[in-house]
């Protein structure tokens, strides 16, 4: 996913489940996310994330 399109607070998909964006480091193309499934913060390269229409309602309950 393009790092310029990622915003803090939005929900994106990572490994077939939603994650919440906490920090966007545009210089290094790294995004820190909260992974609800594992209950931890993860630093990911922006290319590992993808946009998912189900996540735009800001809820991981759709999964």
C-alpha atoms as a PDB file:
ATOM      1  CA  UNK A   1       0.000   0.000   0.000  1.00  0.00           C
ATOM      2  CA  UNK A   2       1.190   3.528  -0.719  1.00  0.00           C
ATOM      3  CA  UNK A   3       2.517   5.111   2.501  1.00  0.00           C
ATOM      4  CA  UNK A   4       1.052   8.497   1.485  1.00  0.00           C
ATOM      5  CA  UNK A   5      -2.477   7.048   1.644  1.00  0.00           C
ATOM      6  CA  UNK A   6      -2.147   5.663   5.174  1.00  0.00           C
ATOM      7  CA  UNK A   7      -3.542   7.769   8.014  1.00  0.00           C
ATOM      8  CA  UNK A   8      -3.271   7.392  11.787  1.00  0.00           C
ATOM      9  CA  UNK A   9      -6.405   5.829  13.279  1.00  0.00           C
ATOM     10  CA  UNK A  10      -7.591   3.981  10.192  1.00  0.00           C
ATOM     11  CA  UNK A  11      -8.070   0.242   9.952  1.00  0.00           C
ATOM     12  CA  UNK A  12      -6.208  -1.752   7.312  1.00  0.00           C
ATOM     13  CA  UNK A  13      -5.798  -5.423   6.574  1.00  0.00           C
ATOM     14  CA  UNK A  14      -2.676  -7.414   7.484  1.00  0.00           C
ATOM     15  CA  UNK A  15      -2.517 -11.208   7.051  1.00  0.00           C
ATOM     16  CA  UNK A  16      -6.283 -11.495   6.547  1.00  0.00           C
ATOM     17  CA  UNK A  17      -7.307  -9.582   9.653  1.00  0.00           C
ATOM     18  CA  UNK A  18      -7.707  -5.896  10.574  1.00  0.00           C
ATOM     19  CA  UNK A  19      -5.106  -3.774  12.328  1.00  0.00           C
ATOM     20  CA  UNK A  20      -5.342  -0.169  13.543  1.00  0.00           C
ATOM     21  CA  UNK A  21      -2.710   2.335  12.411  1.00  0.00           C
ATOM     22  CA  UNK A  22      -0.973   4.002  15.387  1.00  0.00           C
ATOM     23  CA  UNK A  23       2.086   5.684  13.827  1.00  0.00           C
ATOM     24  CA  UNK A  24       3.026   6.426  10.208  1.00  0.00           C
ATOM     25  CA  UNK A  25       6.751   6.907   9.463  1.00  0.00           C
ATOM     26  CA  UNK A  26       6.652   8.201   5.896  1.00  0.00           C
ATOM     27  CA  UNK A  27      10.431   8.601   5.639  1.00  0.00           C
ATOM     28  CA  UNK A  28      11.143   4.919   6.310  1.00  0.00           C
ATOM     29  CA  UNK A  29       7.857   3.571   4.874  1.00  0.00           C
ATOM     30  CA  UNK A  30       7.079   1.910   8.202  1.00  0.00           C
ATOM     31  CA  UNK A  31       3.723   1.802   9.960  1.00  0.00           C
ATOM     32  CA  UNK A  32       3.196   0.882  13.617  1.00  0.00           C
ATOM     33  CA  UNK A  33      -0.117  -0.898  14.054  1.00  0.00           C
ATOM     34  CA  UNK A  34      -2.147  -2.414  16.864  1.00  0.00           C
ATOM     35  CA  UNK A  35      -2.898  -6.043  16.062  1.00  0.00           C
ATOM     36  CA  UNK A  36      -6.137  -6.903  17.833  1.00  0.00           C
ATOM     37  CA  UNK A  37      -5.641 -10.629  17.213  1.00  0.00           C
ATOM     38  CA  UNK A  38      -2.265 -10.845  18.982  1.00  0.00           C
ATOM     39  CA  UNK A  39      -2.906  -7.890  21.328  1.00  0.00           C
ATOM     40  CA  UNK A  40       0.412  -6.186  20.509  1.00  0.00           C
ATOM     41  CA  UNK A  41       2.008  -3.367  18.540  1.00  0.00           C
ATOM     42  CA  UNK A  42       3.799  -4.339  15.331  1.00  0.00           C
ATOM     43  CA  UNK A  43       6.071  -2.317  13.022  1.00  0.00           C
ATOM     44  CA  UNK A  44       5.344  -3.188   9.393  1.00  0.00           C
ATOM     45  CA  UNK A  45       6.524  -2.038   6.003  1.00  0.00           C
ATOM     46  CA  UNK A  46       3.671  -0.266   4.212  1.00  0.00           C
ATOM     47  CA  UNK A  47       3.747  -2.821   1.380  1.00  0.00           C
ATOM     48  CA  UNK A  48       2.509  -5.519   3.779  1.00  0.00           C
ATOM     49  CA  UNK A  49      -0.759  -3.684   4.410  1.00  0.00           C
ATOM     50  CA  UNK A  50      -3.763  -3.531   2.160  1.00  0.00           C
ATOM     51  CA  UNK A  51      -6.922  -1.518   2.132  1.00  0.00           C
ATOM     52  CA  UNK A  52     -10.086  -3.415   2.879  1.00  0.00           C
ATOM     53  CA  UNK A  53     -13.559  -1.870   2.506  1.00  0.00           C
ATOM     54  CA  UNK A  54     -14.828  -3.734   5.565  1.00  0.00           C
ATOM     55  CA  UNK A  55     -12.268  -1.922   7.710  1.00  0.00           C
ATOM     56  CA  UNK A  56     -13.413   1.581   6.784  1.00  0.00           C
ATOM     57  CA  UNK A  57     -16.129   1.502   9.422  1.00  0.00           C
ATOM     58  CA  UNK A  58     -13.358   1.467  12.076  1.00  0.00           C
ATOM     59  CA  UNK A  59     -14.376  -1.852  13.560  1.00  0.00           C
ATOM     60  CA  UNK A  60     -12.538  -5.144  13.803  1.00  0.00           C
ATOM     61  CA  UNK A  61     -15.868  -6.795  14.697  1.00  0.00           C
ATOM     62  CA  UNK A  62     -16.626  -7.449  11.038  1.00  0.00           C
ATOM     63  CA  UNK A  63     -14.181 -10.343  11.029  1.00  0.00           C
END
